[in-house]
Amino acid sequence: MSTPENPWRTVSTRRVYENPWIRVREDQVIRPDGKPGIYGVVEFQNRAVGVLPVEDDGSVWLVGQHRYPLNGYSWEIPEGGCTRDETPEGAVLRELKEETGITCDRLELVSTSHLSNSVSDEVAYIYRATGLTHGASQPEGDERLEVRRVSWEEAWRMYREGEITDSMSVVAILEEAVRRLEGKE
C-alpha cells in the first residue's frame, strides 16, 4: 500500500516537560482542514517490551500490580522498558527474570505495536516465551508484584471480562488466541 502525503504541517515546537522517561512537546500546527491548531505529543525515552510466558501445558504467567496512573490494580504480562543501548530481546529476557524469576529456551516476537499513537510515539515489542525454567524473581524497588500461573481458559476469561486491559497484554492474549485457533499450539 502506498503512504498518503502527511496532511499536517508543523509551524513550531516547544518542549513543555522532560524527565528520564518521557518528554512532552506542544506543536503549533496547520491541521488537515487548513486551520491553525495545537498538538501535544509524548515522546518516550525508551521502548516498551512485554512477554507472555507459556508453559508446556498451555497455562500462562501473569503479573499483578497497582498502576499509579490508573490508581488501580492491573493484571498484565511481564513487561518493562528497553533503553536505547539494549536490544528488545535482551530487555524482555531481563524483565521476565526480574519480575517472575523465569528464564526461557525460546523467545518469539509476536507483535510490534504503537501503544497510543494519537498522543505518543511509544513502540512496544511483544514476545512469547516457551521452554520455561523457574527461579527467584528480583523485582525493582518501585514494583510490588504478584506473580500468578493461570490456565489459558482463565487468562482468556480475564481478558474477555475486562480484568486484563493493559494494551501489550491484550495484544499478547489475542496473538496467543489466534495461534491456538490456527492449531499452532
C-alpha atoms as a PDB file:
ATOM      1  CA  MET A   1       0.000   0.000   0.000  1.00  0.00           C
ATOM      2  CA  SER A   2       1.219   3.493  -0.762  1.00  0.00           C
ATOM      3  CA  THR A   3       1.570   6.024   2.030  1.00  0.00           C
ATOM      4  CA  PRO A   4      -0.533   9.173   1.553  1.00  0.00           C
ATOM      5  CA  GLU A   5       1.095  12.565   1.965  1.00  0.00           C
ATOM      6  CA  ASN A   6       1.131  13.981   5.512  1.00  0.00           C
ATOM      7  CA  PRO A   7      -1.820  16.431   5.768  1.00  0.00           C
ATOM      8  CA  TRP A   8      -0.395  18.069   8.926  1.00  0.00           C
ATOM      9  CA  ARG A   9       2.135  20.935   8.848  1.00  0.00           C
ATOM     10  CA  THR A  10       4.255  21.767  11.901  1.00  0.00           C
ATOM     11  CA  VAL A  11       4.751  25.510  12.384  1.00  0.00           C
ATOM     12  CA  SER A  12       6.724  25.414  15.642  1.00  0.00           C
ATOM     13  CA  THR A  13       7.583  23.095  18.511  1.00  0.00           C
ATOM     14  CA  ARG A  14       8.246  23.764  22.190  1.00  0.00           C
ATOM     15  CA  ARG A  15       9.260  21.351  24.919  1.00  0.00           C
ATOM     16  CA  VAL A  16       6.780  21.523  27.806  1.00  0.00           C
ATOM     17  CA  TYR A  17       8.214  18.894  30.158  1.00  0.00           C
ATOM     18  CA  GLU A  18      11.009  16.332  30.362  1.00  0.00           C
ATOM     19  CA  ASN A  19      12.152  13.629  32.797  1.00  0.00           C
ATOM     20  CA  PRO A  20      14.309  10.479  32.369  1.00  0.00           C
ATOM     21  CA  TRP A  21      11.352   8.543  30.872  1.00  0.00           C
ATOM     22  CA  ILE A  22       9.308  10.982  28.771  1.00  0.00           C
ATOM     23  CA  ARG A  23       9.347  14.328  27.014  1.00  0.00           C
ATOM     24  CA  VAL A  24       6.175  16.284  26.327  1.00  0.00           C
ATOM     25  CA  ARG A  25       6.093  18.764  23.476  1.00  0.00           C
ATOM     26  CA  GLU A  26       3.436  21.075  22.118  1.00  0.00           C
ATOM     27  CA  ASP A  27       3.417  21.774  18.409  1.00  0.00           C
ATOM     28  CA  GLN A  28       1.721  24.680  16.690  1.00  0.00           C
ATOM     29  CA  VAL A  29       0.280  23.100  13.555  1.00  0.00           C
ATOM     30  CA  ILE A  30      -1.778  23.661  10.482  1.00  0.00           C
ATOM     31  CA  ARG A  31      -4.447  20.958  10.650  1.00  0.00           C
ATOM     32  CA  PRO A  32      -5.594  18.866   7.671  1.00  0.00           C
ATOM     33  CA  ASP A  33      -8.531  21.278   7.223  1.00  0.00           C
ATOM     34  CA  GLY A  34      -6.080  24.195   6.838  1.00  0.00           C
ATOM     35  CA  LYS A  35      -6.887  25.801  10.192  1.00  0.00           C
ATOM     36  CA  PRO A  36      -4.281  26.509  12.891  1.00  0.00           C
ATOM     37  CA  GLY A  37      -4.194  24.273  15.936  1.00  0.00           C
ATOM     38  CA  ILE A  38      -2.037  22.658  18.583  1.00  0.00           C
ATOM     39  CA  TYR A  39      -0.912  19.072  19.055  1.00  0.00           C
ATOM     40  CA  GLY A  40       0.567  17.619  22.236  1.00  0.00           C
ATOM     41  CA  VAL A  41       2.957  14.696  21.840  1.00  0.00           C
ATOM     42  CA  VAL A  42       4.521  12.443  24.485  1.00  0.00           C
ATOM     43  CA  GLU A  43       7.924  11.192  23.341  1.00  0.00           C
ATOM     44  CA  PHE A  44       9.221   8.124  25.170  1.00  0.00           C
ATOM     45  CA  GLN A  45      12.928   7.840  26.011  1.00  0.00           C
ATOM     46  CA  ASN A  46      12.694   4.008  25.996  1.00  0.00           C
ATOM     47  CA  ARG A  47      10.860   1.347  24.054  1.00  0.00           C
ATOM     48  CA  ALA A  48       8.383  -0.978  25.757  1.00  0.00           C
ATOM     49  CA  VAL A  49       8.789  -4.757  25.910  1.00  0.00           C
ATOM     50  CA  GLY A  50       6.451  -7.472  27.129  1.00  0.00           C
ATOM     51  CA  VAL A  51       6.338 -11.259  27.125  1.00  0.00           C
ATOM     52  CA  LEU A  52       3.706 -13.949  27.535  1.00  0.00           C
ATOM     53  CA  PRO A  53       5.376 -16.923  29.265  1.00  0.00           C
ATOM     54  CA  VAL A  54       3.616 -20.134  28.144  1.00  0.00           C
ATOM     55  CA  GLU A  55       4.071 -23.442  29.972  1.00  0.00           C
ATOM     56  CA  ASP A  56       4.116 -26.832  28.209  1.00  0.00           C
ATOM     57  CA  ASP A  57       0.534 -27.474  29.407  1.00  0.00           C
ATOM     58  CA  GLY A  58      -0.659 -24.196  27.842  1.00  0.00           C
ATOM     59  CA  SER A  59      -1.003 -22.249  31.078  1.00  0.00           C
ATOM     60  CA  VAL A  60       0.467 -18.741  31.175  1.00  0.00           C
ATOM     61  CA  TRP A  61       2.089 -16.463  33.725  1.00  0.00           C
ATOM     62  CA  LEU A  62       0.674 -13.045  34.633  1.00  0.00           C
ATOM     63  CA  VAL A  63       1.917 -10.284  36.892  1.00  0.00           C
ATOM     64  CA  GLY A  64      -0.389  -8.207  39.074  1.00  0.00           C
ATOM     65  CA  GLN A  65       0.470  -4.775  40.402  1.00  0.00           C
ATOM     66  CA  HIS A  66      -1.005  -1.433  41.359  1.00  0.00           C
ATOM     67  CA  ARG A  67      -0.595   1.033  38.490  1.00  0.00           C
ATOM     68  CA  TYR A  68      -0.155   4.581  39.730  1.00  0.00           C
ATOM     69  CA  PRO A  69      -1.671   6.423  36.708  1.00  0.00           C
ATOM     70  CA  LEU A  70      -4.834   4.286  36.914  1.00  0.00           C
ATOM     71  CA  ASN A  71      -4.970   4.276  40.725  1.00  0.00           C
ATOM     72  CA  GLY A  72      -5.943   0.647  40.340  1.00  0.00           C
ATOM     73  CA  TYR A  73      -4.730  -2.916  40.177  1.00  0.00           C
ATOM     74  CA  SER A  74      -3.719  -4.394  36.828  1.00  0.00           C
ATOM     75  CA  TRP A  75      -3.110  -7.966  35.635  1.00  0.00           C
ATOM     76  CA  GLU A  76      -0.528  -7.993  32.837  1.00  0.00           C
ATOM     77  CA  ILE A  77       2.137  -9.947  31.071  1.00  0.00           C
ATOM     78  CA  PRO A  78       5.649  -9.267  32.418  1.00  0.00           C
ATOM     79  CA  GLU A  79       6.780  -6.020  30.810  1.00  0.00           C
ATOM     80  CA  GLY A  80       9.079  -3.056  31.136  1.00  0.00           C
ATOM     81  CA  GLY A  81      11.356  -0.618  29.384  1.00  0.00           C
ATOM     82  CA  CYS A  82      14.113  -1.126  26.837  1.00  0.00           C
ATOM     83  CA  THR A  83      16.842   1.509  26.827  1.00  0.00           C
ATOM     84  CA  ARG A  84      18.416   2.664  23.565  1.00  0.00           C
ATOM     85  CA  ASP A  85      21.578   0.647  24.318  1.00  0.00           C
ATOM     86  CA  GLU A  86      19.660  -2.651  24.787  1.00  0.00           C
ATOM     87  CA  THR A  87      18.072  -4.943  22.252  1.00  0.00           C
ATOM     88  CA  PRO A  88      14.360  -5.616  22.753  1.00  0.00           C
ATOM     89  CA  GLU A  89      15.185  -9.334  23.155  1.00  0.00           C
ATOM     90  CA  GLY A  90      17.746  -8.628  25.882  1.00  0.00           C
ATOM     91  CA  ALA A  91      15.400  -6.254  27.684  1.00  0.00           C
ATOM     92  CA  VAL A  92      12.436  -8.641  27.616  1.00  0.00           C
ATOM     93  CA  LEU A  93      14.578 -11.524  28.942  1.00  0.00           C
ATOM     94  CA  ARG A  94      15.789  -9.228  31.748  1.00  0.00           C
ATOM     95  CA  GLU A  95      12.233  -8.149  32.605  1.00  0.00           C
ATOM     96  CA  LEU A  96      10.960 -11.749  32.548  1.00  0.00           C
ATOM     97  CA  LYS A  97      13.649 -12.841  35.037  1.00  0.00           C
ATOM     98  CA  GLU A  98      13.294  -9.758  37.249  1.00  0.00           C
ATOM     99  CA  GLU A  99       9.519  -9.904  37.525  1.00  0.00           C
ATOM    100  CA  THR A 100       8.883 -13.661  37.587  1.00  0.00           C
ATOM    101  CA  GLY A 101      12.204 -15.475  38.047  1.00  0.00           C
ATOM    102  CA  ILE A 102      11.539 -17.260  34.745  1.00  0.00           C
ATOM    103  CA  THR A 103      14.093 -17.883  32.013  1.00  0.00           C
ATOM    104  CA  CYS A 104      13.220 -19.444  28.656  1.00  0.00           C
ATOM    105  CA  ASP A 105      14.687 -21.599  25.900  1.00  0.00           C
ATOM    106  CA  ARG A 106      12.658 -19.974  23.103  1.00  0.00           C
ATOM    107  CA  LEU A 107      11.611 -16.382  22.566  1.00  0.00           C
ATOM    108  CA  GLU A 108       9.416 -15.381  19.622  1.00  0.00           C
ATOM    109  CA  LEU A 109       8.438 -11.851  18.586  1.00  0.00           C
ATOM    110  CA  VAL A 110       4.651 -11.895  18.059  1.00  0.00           C
ATOM    111  CA  SER A 111       3.890  -8.195  17.572  1.00  0.00           C
ATOM    112  CA  THR A 112       5.335  -4.720  17.247  1.00  0.00           C
ATOM    113  CA  SER A 113       2.753  -2.142  18.295  1.00  0.00           C
ATOM    114  CA  HIS A 114       2.336   1.583  18.840  1.00  0.00           C
ATOM    115  CA  LEU A 115       0.622   1.816  22.218  1.00  0.00           C
ATOM    116  CA  SER A 116      -1.207   5.124  21.845  1.00  0.00           C
ATOM    117  CA  ASN A 117      -0.261   6.661  18.523  1.00  0.00           C
ATOM    118  CA  SER A 118      -2.696   9.547  18.754  1.00  0.00           C
ATOM    119  CA  VAL A 119      -0.635  11.159  21.541  1.00  0.00           C
ATOM    120  CA  SER A 120       2.680   9.287  21.828  1.00  0.00           C
ATOM    121  CA  ASP A 121       5.496   7.714  19.850  1.00  0.00           C
ATOM    122  CA  GLU A 122       5.828   4.710  22.207  1.00  0.00           C
ATOM    123  CA  VAL A 123       6.563   1.450  20.421  1.00  0.00           C
ATOM    124  CA  ALA A 124       6.228  -1.977  22.050  1.00  0.00           C
ATOM    125  CA  TYR A 125       7.825  -5.305  21.218  1.00  0.00           C
ATOM    126  CA  ILE A 126       5.682  -8.199  22.407  1.00  0.00           C
ATOM    127  CA  TYR A 127       7.059 -11.723  22.715  1.00  0.00           C
ATOM    128  CA  ARG A 128       6.008 -15.274  23.533  1.00  0.00           C
ATOM    129  CA  ALA A 129       8.355 -17.347  25.727  1.00  0.00           C
ATOM    130  CA  THR A 130       8.428 -21.152  25.947  1.00  0.00           C
ATOM    131  CA  GLY A 131      10.749 -23.768  27.410  1.00  0.00           C
ATOM    132  CA  LEU A 132      10.437 -22.110  30.804  1.00  0.00           C
ATOM    133  CA  THR A 133      12.739 -22.610  33.796  1.00  0.00           C
ATOM    134  CA  HIS A 134      11.787 -21.178  37.189  1.00  0.00           C
ATOM    135  CA  GLY A 135      13.926 -19.333  39.714  1.00  0.00           C
ATOM    136  CA  ALA A 136      13.671 -16.439  42.147  1.00  0.00           C
ATOM    137  CA  SER A 137      12.271 -13.109  40.975  1.00  0.00           C
ATOM    138  CA  GLN A 138      14.134  -9.852  41.586  1.00  0.00           C
ATOM    139  CA  PRO A 139      11.591  -7.016  41.272  1.00  0.00           C
ATOM    140  CA  GLU A 140      12.810  -3.428  41.228  1.00  0.00           C
ATOM    141  CA  GLY A 141      12.204  -1.121  44.187  1.00  0.00           C
ATOM    142  CA  ASP A 142       9.181   0.532  42.568  1.00  0.00           C
ATOM    143  CA  GLU A 143       7.449  -2.825  41.977  1.00  0.00           C
ATOM    144  CA  ARG A 144       5.302  -4.841  44.364  1.00  0.00           C
ATOM    145  CA  LEU A 145       4.287  -7.746  42.177  1.00  0.00           C
ATOM    146  CA  GLU A 146       2.025 -10.748  42.480  1.00  0.00           C
ATOM    147  CA  VAL A 147       3.017 -13.497  40.038  1.00  0.00           C
ATOM    148  CA  ARG A 148       0.328 -15.983  39.082  1.00  0.00           C
ATOM    149  CA  ARG A 149       0.201 -19.035  36.824  1.00  0.00           C
ATOM    150  CA  VAL A 150      -3.247 -19.333  35.242  1.00  0.00           C
ATOM    151  CA  SER A 151      -4.796 -21.754  32.799  1.00  0.00           C
ATOM    152  CA  TRP A 152      -5.283 -20.498  29.255  1.00  0.00           C
ATOM    153  CA  GLU A 153      -9.045 -20.571  29.842  1.00  0.00           C
ATOM    154  CA  GLU A 154      -8.647 -18.338  32.923  1.00  0.00           C
ATOM    155  CA  ALA A 155      -6.423 -15.861  31.066  1.00  0.00           C
ATOM    156  CA  TRP A 156      -8.936 -15.713  28.199  1.00  0.00           C
ATOM    157  CA  ARG A 157     -11.784 -15.165  30.688  1.00  0.00           C
ATOM    158  CA  MET A 158      -9.812 -12.374  32.402  1.00  0.00           C
ATOM    159  CA  TYR A 159      -9.324 -10.664  29.047  1.00  0.00           C
ATOM    160  CA  ARG A 160     -12.968 -11.128  27.970  1.00  0.00           C
ATOM    161  CA  GLU A 161     -14.326  -9.837  31.298  1.00  0.00           C
ATOM    162  CA  GLY A 162     -12.101  -6.752  31.369  1.00  0.00           C
ATOM    163  CA  GLU A 163      -9.695  -7.902  34.081  1.00  0.00           C
ATOM    164  CA  ILE A 164      -6.784  -7.623  31.624  1.00  0.00           C
ATOM    165  CA  THR A 165      -6.829  -4.199  29.963  1.00  0.00           C
ATOM    166  CA  ASP A 166      -3.159  -3.299  29.535  1.00  0.00           C
ATOM    167  CA  SER A 167      -2.602  -2.897  25.786  1.00  0.00           C
ATOM    168  CA  MET A 168       0.534  -5.048  25.489  1.00  0.00           C
ATOM    169  CA  SER A 169      -1.172  -7.794  27.491  1.00  0.00           C
ATOM    170  CA  VAL A 170      -4.288  -7.611  25.321  1.00  0.00           C
ATOM    171  CA  VAL A 171      -2.165  -7.940  22.172  1.00  0.00           C
ATOM    172  CA  ALA A 172      -0.274 -10.907  23.656  1.00  0.00           C
ATOM    173  CA  ILE A 173      -3.506 -12.666  24.688  1.00  0.00           C
ATOM    174  CA  LEU A 174      -5.093 -12.089  21.271  1.00  0.00           C
ATOM    175  CA  GLU A 175      -1.960 -13.311  19.455  1.00  0.00           C
ATOM    176  CA  GLU A 176      -1.996 -16.450  21.625  1.00  0.00           C
ATOM    177  CA  ALA A 177      -5.684 -16.989  20.881  1.00  0.00           C
ATOM    178  CA  VAL A 178      -5.012 -16.797  17.127  1.00  0.00           C
ATOM    179  CA  ARG A 179      -2.116 -19.236  17.493  1.00  0.00           C
ATOM    180  CA  ARG A 180      -4.372 -21.702  19.295  1.00  0.00           C
ATOM    181  CA  LEU A 181      -7.205 -21.276  16.772  1.00  0.00           C
ATOM    182  CA  GLU A 182      -4.790 -21.939  13.928  1.00  0.00           C
ATOM    183  CA  GLY A 183      -3.590 -25.095  15.689  1.00  0.00           C
ATOM    184  CA  LYS A 184      -0.037 -23.843  16.153  1.00  0.00           C
ATOM    185  CA  GLU A 185      -0.120 -24.872  19.783  1.00  0.00           C
END
